Every structure is written in C-alpha cells, then in structure tokens.
C-alpha cells in the first residue's frame, strides 16, 4: 500500500510538472497577435480568416481578368509612396480635400478599387471594423503576384487607414514615365531604397499594360529604342489620339518573370523611365544580373516589397479602421 501511495504521489508530481512546462511552452510559441505594432499575426485572434478571405477574392479576380494582378500591385505601390501605406489612395474627394485618384499618375488609370471594396465587404461580414483597407491593399498585392507565378513574401499587418488624402502629394511622390535615372534614384532614395531595390521594384512592370499617353513621347522622340519595336508601337499609338490604347508592358504581361529586364537589354523598355535603368548608367549591372538570373530578381523583389509595405504606416490609435474604403467613418 505504501509503495502504491508513493507511486501515485510521484505520478501526480510528474503530471503537474508536465502541465506546467506545457503551458510555459505554449506561451513561448504563441503567435504575437493584435497589438500596437505591425505583425504578421496581427489578426490571428480578432479576424483569423482575414488572409484566406483576401486570397480567395484575389484569386477569383485575377482568374477573371489576369491584368488585375498588375492593377492591384500598382495600387499598393501608389498608396505607399504617398504619405505611407495608409489606403489614402482609396478615398474619394470630399469638401475638405481633393484626393489622389485624380492626380496625374492615377487619373483614368487606377484600377482594382472594386476588388478592394468587395474584399472589404466580405471582411466586414466576418469581423466588423477589424481589418483596415491599408492591410487589404498590402495583402492583395502579394496574393496577386503569387497568382500569376511570382514570388511570395510575408506581409506584416496592423496598418490603420488615413482620414485624409492629397492630390498634390500624389503628384509629387510617384515616379513618372518620363523620369530620368537621376530622378528615379533621388525619389527612391528619399523613401529609403537603394539603387538595387529600385531596379527590383521597377521589375513590377513585367506585368500589366500601359496607355499610349504614357509612352508616346518615347516611341517618337527617344533615340535609345529598338527601331522595329518603336515602329510596331507607333502603329498602335498614333501621334495624336488613341491616348487610352493599351500595350503590354513586356511580351508576357500576365506572367511574373524577368522578361522586362531582357527587354531593357534589347532597348525595348516601354517607358522612358524603364529604359533609363539600362542606358549606360549605374544600374546597368543590376539589369544584367536580373536578366540572367530570374531567381535573384524574384528574391530581391520580394524583399523590397516587404520594405515598401512598411513605409509610414499608421498604427496604434492613429488613423482609423474604415468601414467603407472610399470614405472616412
């Protein structure tokens, strides 16, 4: 009997220790959920299905229109480069401010707003007033790139939405298709990017289409352009008229690859600013590297996207969580 009691006491002590250490371990490995800082697991308790809801909607949208992948990626870029990743690009004009959608880089060309609105509606049904429009844009950009064969990256979450927008800020902070290499380097440097990161992010032009108005000057005036290539574009984009005619950014506009950089080597960059990356300047070597090694480009692009997603976010009590992405609460 004494031996049995001793055995039971020993078993009980071991069980207590096992439970104790299991609890400690669970606390150590528990994901860092919602707080006042950006975190990959920000919504793990408050809206655990957020990422799957976004991914499902993006895949559906890209499948219906492959060009949408480029539009959602561009939306994220044009949002983050203007006062940070705060979904200001989604705000409609109000009596108190003129928003970013009518700024020169966005006017008549910004797309994907309906996709974001659709995602927001689904999220509001699942977890009301929890997931920000800024986070939706960031995740949708990643998922759209993956949907057409591009690299994935970890998206930190917890951004909040701005309560204002600025047309002038958009005009002054988004690089234009006529930019020189020095202008590109200067603008990206102000945002904290190296020259290599700038070239990697520019590689986002490997997908999508562009309007004639954005490259007409290049195909009629630039000398650093392949002759037959220029002639083929002139047939689609006359000197006058046809501003909204669309041309693929590279030969594979619905596949995320390194064809964009091979085009630059062949003097077939669509925008003047694209060809500036391979024009006898300091970034030629990076273009050559990405043209020769698509895996290197994919990896650098993913890392640069992580960095871009951290530009000037509103966190904590700053900003708000919009109920409707197009207007403040």
Protein backbone atom coordinates (compact mmCIF):
# COMPACT_ATOMS: atom_id res chain seq x y z
CA UNK A 1 0.00 0.00 0.00
CA UNK A 2 2.82 2.40 0.93
CA UNK A 3 4.54 1.66 -2.36
CA UNK A 4 1.31 2.36 -4.26
CA UNK A 5 0.86 5.71 -2.50
CA UNK A 6 4.46 6.63 -3.28
CA UNK A 7 3.96 5.72 -6.93
CA UNK A 8 0.76 7.76 -7.11
CA UNK A 9 2.44 10.74 -5.47
CA UNK A 10 5.34 10.53 -7.94
CA UNK A 11 2.93 10.27 -10.88
CA UNK A 12 0.95 13.28 -9.66
CA UNK A 13 4.10 15.37 -9.31
CA UNK A 14 5.22 14.41 -12.80
CA UNK A 15 1.80 15.26 -14.22
CA UNK A 16 1.86 18.69 -12.56
CA UNK A 17 5.33 19.36 -13.94
CA UNK A 18 4.27 18.19 -17.40
CA UNK A 19 1.24 20.51 -17.42
CA UNK A 20 3.35 23.38 -16.10
CA UNK A 21 6.05 23.08 -18.76
CA UNK A 22 3.48 22.52 -21.49
CA UNK A 23 1.78 25.76 -20.50
CA UNK A 24 5.08 27.63 -20.47
CA UNK A 25 5.99 26.25 -23.89
CA UNK A 26 2.62 27.20 -25.33
CA UNK A 27 3.09 30.76 -24.12
CA UNK A 28 6.53 30.92 -25.66
CA UNK A 29 5.42 29.74 -29.10
CA UNK A 30 2.07 31.51 -29.08
CA UNK A 31 1.80 33.85 -32.08
CA UNK A 32 2.07 37.54 -31.38
CA UNK A 33 -1.50 38.62 -32.04
CA UNK A 34 -3.06 42.07 -32.25
CA UNK A 35 -1.02 44.85 -30.64
CA UNK A 36 0.05 48.38 -31.45
CA UNK A 37 2.81 47.31 -33.85
CA UNK A 38 2.97 45.66 -37.24
CA UNK A 39 2.90 41.88 -37.04
CA UNK A 40 2.31 39.01 -39.44
CA UNK A 41 -0.18 37.58 -36.94
CA UNK A 42 -1.98 40.80 -36.13
CA UNK A 43 -5.46 39.39 -36.83
CA UNK A 44 -4.93 35.85 -35.52
CA UNK A 45 -7.47 36.35 -32.74
CA UNK A 46 -9.65 39.22 -33.94
CA UNK A 47 -10.16 38.02 -37.54
CA UNK A 48 -8.46 34.64 -38.06
CA UNK A 49 -9.93 34.14 -41.54
CA UNK A 50 -8.82 37.53 -42.88
CA UNK A 51 -5.95 36.28 -45.04
CA UNK A 52 -7.92 33.42 -46.55
CA UNK A 53 -10.82 35.76 -47.37
CA UNK A 54 -8.47 38.16 -49.15
CA UNK A 55 -6.62 35.41 -51.00
CA UNK A 56 -9.80 33.75 -52.25
CA UNK A 57 -11.16 37.04 -53.60
CA UNK A 58 -7.88 37.98 -55.28
CA UNK A 59 -7.50 34.62 -56.99
CA UNK A 60 -11.06 34.90 -58.29
CA UNK A 61 -10.48 38.44 -59.57
CA UNK A 62 -7.17 37.59 -61.30
CA UNK A 63 -8.64 34.46 -62.84
CA UNK A 64 -11.49 36.54 -64.29
CA UNK A 65 -9.06 39.22 -65.55
CA UNK A 66 -5.32 38.41 -65.38
CA UNK A 67 -4.45 42.09 -65.86
CA UNK A 68 -5.95 42.73 -62.41
CA UNK A 69 -2.77 41.34 -60.82
CA UNK A 70 -0.78 44.29 -62.15
CA UNK A 71 -3.51 46.72 -61.14
CA UNK A 72 -3.53 45.54 -57.52
CA UNK A 73 0.27 45.62 -57.33
CA UNK A 74 0.30 49.15 -58.74
CA UNK A 75 -2.39 50.21 -56.28
CA UNK A 76 -0.15 49.19 -53.37
CA UNK A 77 2.86 50.99 -54.82
CA UNK A 78 0.94 54.20 -55.49
CA UNK A 79 -0.55 54.08 -52.00
CA UNK A 80 2.68 53.52 -50.08
CA UNK A 81 4.74 56.12 -51.94
CA UNK A 82 2.31 58.89 -50.94
CA UNK A 83 2.48 59.54 -47.19
CA UNK A 84 2.89 55.84 -46.41
CA UNK A 85 0.78 52.68 -46.73
CA UNK A 86 -2.45 54.13 -45.36
CA UNK A 87 -5.08 53.46 -48.05
CA UNK A 88 -5.31 57.19 -48.79
CA UNK A 89 -5.43 56.31 -52.47
CA UNK A 90 -8.88 54.77 -51.97
CA UNK A 91 -10.52 57.91 -50.58
CA UNK A 92 -12.97 59.76 -52.78
CA UNK A 93 -12.82 63.57 -52.88
CA UNK A 94 -14.61 65.44 -50.10
CA UNK A 95 -15.41 69.13 -49.48
CA UNK A 96 -12.27 69.31 -47.33
CA UNK A 97 -9.72 67.69 -49.66
CA UNK A 98 -9.04 66.61 -53.24
CA UNK A 99 -7.87 63.02 -53.14
CA UNK A 100 -5.22 61.08 -55.00
CA UNK A 101 -7.33 59.33 -57.61
CA UNK A 102 -7.33 62.36 -59.92
CA UNK A 103 -3.59 63.01 -59.54
CA UNK A 104 -1.68 62.70 -62.82
CA UNK A 105 -0.20 59.24 -62.08
CA UNK A 106 -3.64 57.84 -61.17
CA UNK A 107 -6.19 59.75 -63.25
CA UNK A 108 -8.11 57.44 -65.61
CA UNK A 109 -5.65 54.62 -64.89
CA UNK A 110 -6.08 53.46 -61.31
CA UNK A 111 -7.85 50.10 -61.19
CA UNK A 112 -8.82 47.43 -58.69
CA UNK A 113 -10.91 49.61 -56.39
CA UNK A 114 -13.93 47.36 -56.90
CA UNK A 115 -11.87 44.32 -55.92
CA UNK A 116 -10.76 46.01 -52.70
CA UNK A 117 -14.35 47.08 -51.96
CA UNK A 118 -15.56 43.52 -52.50
CA UNK A 119 -12.93 42.16 -50.12
CA UNK A 120 -13.76 44.80 -47.53
CA UNK A 121 -17.46 43.87 -47.65
CA UNK A 122 -16.63 40.20 -47.07
CA UNK A 123 -14.34 41.07 -44.16
CA UNK A 124 -16.94 43.34 -42.59
CA UNK A 125 -19.39 40.43 -42.68
CA UNK A 126 -16.87 38.16 -41.00
CA UNK A 127 -15.29 40.55 -38.49
CA UNK A 128 -16.73 44.03 -38.44
CA UNK A 129 -14.46 47.07 -38.16
CA UNK A 130 -11.31 44.99 -37.63
CA UNK A 131 -9.28 44.75 -40.86
CA UNK A 132 -8.02 48.00 -42.37
CA UNK A 133 -8.24 48.92 -46.02
CA UNK A 134 -4.48 49.55 -45.96
CA UNK A 135 -3.83 45.96 -44.94
CA UNK A 136 -6.22 44.69 -47.61
CA UNK A 137 -4.22 46.52 -50.29
CA UNK A 138 -0.92 45.14 -48.98
CA UNK A 139 -2.09 41.53 -48.83
CA UNK A 140 -3.93 41.75 -52.16
CA UNK A 141 -0.73 42.95 -53.87
CA UNK A 142 1.19 39.94 -52.57
CA UNK A 143 -1.56 37.47 -53.44
CA UNK A 144 -1.98 38.90 -56.95
CA UNK A 145 1.73 38.47 -57.71
CA UNK A 146 1.65 34.88 -56.45
CA UNK A 147 -1.47 34.20 -58.53
CA UNK A 148 0.46 34.81 -61.76
CA UNK A 149 3.58 32.88 -60.82
CA UNK A 150 5.55 35.47 -58.90
CA UNK A 151 7.30 35.20 -55.52
CA UNK A 152 5.55 35.34 -52.16
CA UNK A 153 6.57 37.33 -49.11
CA UNK A 154 5.42 37.77 -45.54
CA UNK A 155 3.10 40.75 -45.14
CA UNK A 156 3.17 42.46 -41.77
CA UNK A 157 -0.26 43.66 -40.66
CA UNK A 158 -1.76 46.22 -38.32
CA UNK A 159 -1.79 49.30 -40.54
CA UNK A 160 -4.63 51.72 -39.97
CA UNK A 161 -6.39 53.90 -42.52
CA UNK A 162 -5.79 57.59 -43.08
CA UNK A 163 -8.54 60.16 -42.65
CA UNK A 164 -7.33 62.38 -45.47
CA UNK A 165 -5.67 62.26 -48.89
CA UNK A 166 -3.68 64.67 -51.04
CA UNK A 167 -3.69 65.08 -54.80
CA UNK A 168 -0.56 67.24 -54.66
CA UNK A 169 1.31 64.65 -52.57
CA UNK A 170 0.49 62.00 -55.16
CA UNK A 171 1.70 64.24 -57.97
CA UNK A 172 4.99 64.86 -56.14
CA UNK A 173 5.82 61.39 -54.84
CA UNK A 174 5.00 58.90 -57.59
CA UNK A 175 7.69 58.48 -60.28
CA UNK A 176 6.57 59.39 -63.78
CA UNK A 177 7.15 57.54 -67.06
CA UNK A 178 9.41 60.36 -68.29
CA UNK A 179 11.74 60.30 -65.27
CA UNK A 180 15.50 60.21 -65.79
CA UNK A 181 17.72 57.78 -63.90
CA UNK A 182 18.84 60.54 -61.53
CA UNK A 183 15.25 61.48 -60.79
CA UNK A 184 14.39 57.85 -60.08
CA UNK A 185 17.39 57.36 -57.82
CA UNK A 186 16.61 60.55 -55.92
CA UNK A 187 12.95 59.75 -55.35
CA UNK A 188 13.54 56.15 -54.28
CA UNK A 189 16.42 57.20 -52.06
CA UNK A 190 14.12 59.61 -50.23
CA UNK A 191 11.89 56.62 -49.47
CA UNK A 192 14.87 54.67 -48.12
CA UNK A 193 15.54 52.39 -51.09
CA UNK A 194 18.90 51.50 -52.59
CA UNK A 195 19.51 51.59 -56.33
CA UNK A 196 19.26 47.79 -56.48
CA UNK A 197 15.94 47.84 -54.63
CA UNK A 198 14.67 50.48 -57.03
CA UNK A 199 15.51 48.30 -60.02
CA UNK A 200 13.87 45.29 -58.35
CA UNK A 201 10.66 47.20 -57.66
CA UNK A 202 10.68 48.57 -61.21
CA UNK A 203 10.57 44.94 -62.29
CA UNK A 204 6.92 45.02 -61.30
CA UNK A 205 6.49 46.38 -64.83
CA UNK A 206 6.93 42.82 -66.03
CA UNK A 207 3.14 42.51 -65.76
CA UNK A 208 0.24 44.62 -66.95
CA UNK A 209 -0.46 47.07 -69.76
CA UNK A 210 0.14 50.78 -70.29
CA UNK A 211 -1.77 53.55 -72.06
CA UNK A 212 -0.26 55.22 -75.10
CA UNK A 213 -0.27 58.60 -73.40
CA UNK A 214 2.43 57.34 -71.03
CA UNK A 215 4.97 56.32 -73.67
CA UNK A 216 4.07 58.25 -76.85
CA UNK A 217 6.97 60.65 -76.40
CA UNK A 218 9.41 57.75 -76.13
CA UNK A 219 8.39 55.94 -79.30
CA UNK A 220 8.51 59.11 -81.41
CA UNK A 221 11.39 61.03 -79.83
CA UNK A 222 13.81 58.75 -77.94
CA UNK A 223 16.92 57.51 -79.71
CA UNK A 224 17.70 54.75 -77.26
CA UNK A 225 14.98 52.48 -78.61
CA UNK A 226 14.94 49.49 -80.95
CA UNK A 227 13.71 50.67 -84.37
CA UNK A 228 11.29 47.85 -85.24
CA UNK A 229 9.97 47.94 -81.69
CA UNK A 230 9.23 51.67 -81.97
CA UNK A 231 7.55 51.18 -85.35
CA UNK A 232 5.30 48.43 -84.01
CA UNK A 233 4.19 50.68 -81.16
CA UNK A 234 3.61 53.66 -83.47
CA UNK A 235 1.11 51.52 -85.38
CA UNK A 236 -0.87 51.17 -82.16
CA UNK A 237 -0.29 54.67 -80.83
CA UNK A 238 -0.58 57.48 -83.38
CA UNK A 239 0.97 60.88 -82.73
CA UNK A 240 -2.46 62.24 -81.89
CA UNK A 241 -5.46 60.41 -80.50
CA UNK A 242 -5.65 56.94 -79.05
CA UNK A 243 -4.40 58.05 -75.63
CA UNK A 244 -6.10 55.14 -73.90
CA UNK A 245 -4.98 52.43 -76.32
CA UNK A 246 -3.30 49.68 -74.32
CA UNK A 247 0.03 47.97 -74.95
CA UNK A 248 1.61 45.15 -72.86
CA UNK A 249 4.45 46.21 -70.58
CA UNK A 250 6.52 43.27 -71.86
CA UNK A 251 5.92 40.19 -74.07
CA UNK A 252 4.45 38.22 -71.14
CA UNK A 253 2.15 40.71 -69.37
CA UNK A 254 0.26 38.09 -67.35
CA UNK A 255 3.30 36.17 -66.16
CA UNK A 256 5.62 37.41 -63.43
CA UNK A 257 9.07 36.75 -64.91
CA UNK A 258 12.27 38.57 -65.87
CA UNK A 259 11.30 39.35 -69.48
CA UNK A 260 11.15 43.04 -68.54
CA UNK A 261 14.91 43.12 -67.95
CA UNK A 262 15.67 41.28 -71.18
CA UNK A 263 13.61 43.91 -72.97
CA UNK A 264 15.72 46.65 -71.42
CA UNK A 265 18.89 44.96 -72.70
CA UNK A 266 17.34 44.96 -76.18
CA UNK A 267 16.35 48.66 -75.91
CA UNK A 268 12.68 47.68 -75.75
CA UNK A 269 11.71 49.31 -72.47
CA UNK A 270 8.20 50.69 -72.86
CA UNK A 271 8.58 53.80 -70.70
CA UNK A 272 11.43 56.27 -70.96
CA UNK A 273 11.93 55.72 -67.23
CA UNK A 274 12.19 51.97 -67.77
CA UNK A 275 14.94 52.25 -70.38
CA UNK A 276 16.82 54.67 -68.12
CA UNK A 277 17.65 51.69 -65.93
CA UNK A 278 19.76 50.32 -68.82
CA UNK A 279 21.25 53.31 -70.52
CA UNK A 280 24.96 53.14 -69.76
CA UNK A 281 24.43 54.20 -66.16
CA UNK A 282 24.99 52.86 -62.68
CA UNK A 283 22.09 50.40 -62.74
CA UNK A 284 23.05 48.55 -65.95
CA UNK A 285 24.79 45.83 -63.93
CA UNK A 286 21.67 45.16 -61.87
CA UNK A 287 19.55 44.83 -65.01
CA UNK A 288 22.10 42.38 -66.43
CA UNK A 289 22.02 40.37 -63.23
CA UNK A 290 18.23 40.09 -63.18
CA UNK A 291 18.07 39.27 -66.89
CA UNK A 292 20.50 36.40 -66.32
CA UNK A 293 19.04 35.16 -63.03
CA UNK A 294 15.25 35.26 -62.56
CA UNK A 295 15.54 33.76 -59.08
CA UNK A 296 17.74 36.65 -57.99
CA UNK A 297 15.16 39.13 -59.26
CA UNK A 298 12.29 37.30 -57.57
CA UNK A 299 14.08 37.22 -54.23
CA UNK A 300 15.12 40.86 -54.34
CA UNK A 301 11.65 41.92 -55.46
CA UNK A 302 10.01 40.10 -52.54
CA UNK A 303 12.40 41.67 -50.02
CA UNK A 304 11.87 45.13 -51.49
CA UNK A 305 8.10 44.65 -51.28
CA UNK A 306 8.36 43.81 -47.58
CA UNK A 307 10.33 47.02 -47.09
CA UNK A 308 7.86 49.08 -49.14
CA UNK A 309 4.96 47.72 -47.12
CA UNK A 310 6.48 49.28 -44.01
CA UNK A 311 6.58 52.83 -45.38
CA UNK A 312 4.95 55.26 -42.96
CA UNK A 313 2.16 53.08 -41.56
CA UNK A 314 -0.41 54.43 -39.13
CA UNK A 315 -0.56 52.20 -36.05
CA UNK A 316 -1.96 52.19 -32.54
CA UNK A 317 -4.59 54.90 -32.22
CA UNK A 318 -3.54 56.86 -35.31
CA UNK A 319 -5.98 56.94 -38.19
CA UNK A 320 -8.98 54.64 -38.16
CA UNK A 321 -10.39 51.36 -39.47
CA UNK A 322 -12.68 52.48 -42.27
CA UNK A 323 -16.00 50.73 -42.67
CA UNK A 324 -16.08 51.80 -46.31
CA UNK A 325 -12.69 52.07 -48.02
CA UNK A 326 -13.79 55.01 -50.17
CA UNK A 327 -14.71 57.35 -47.35
CA UNK A 328 -13.78 58.14 -43.77
CA UNK A 329 -16.06 56.98 -40.96
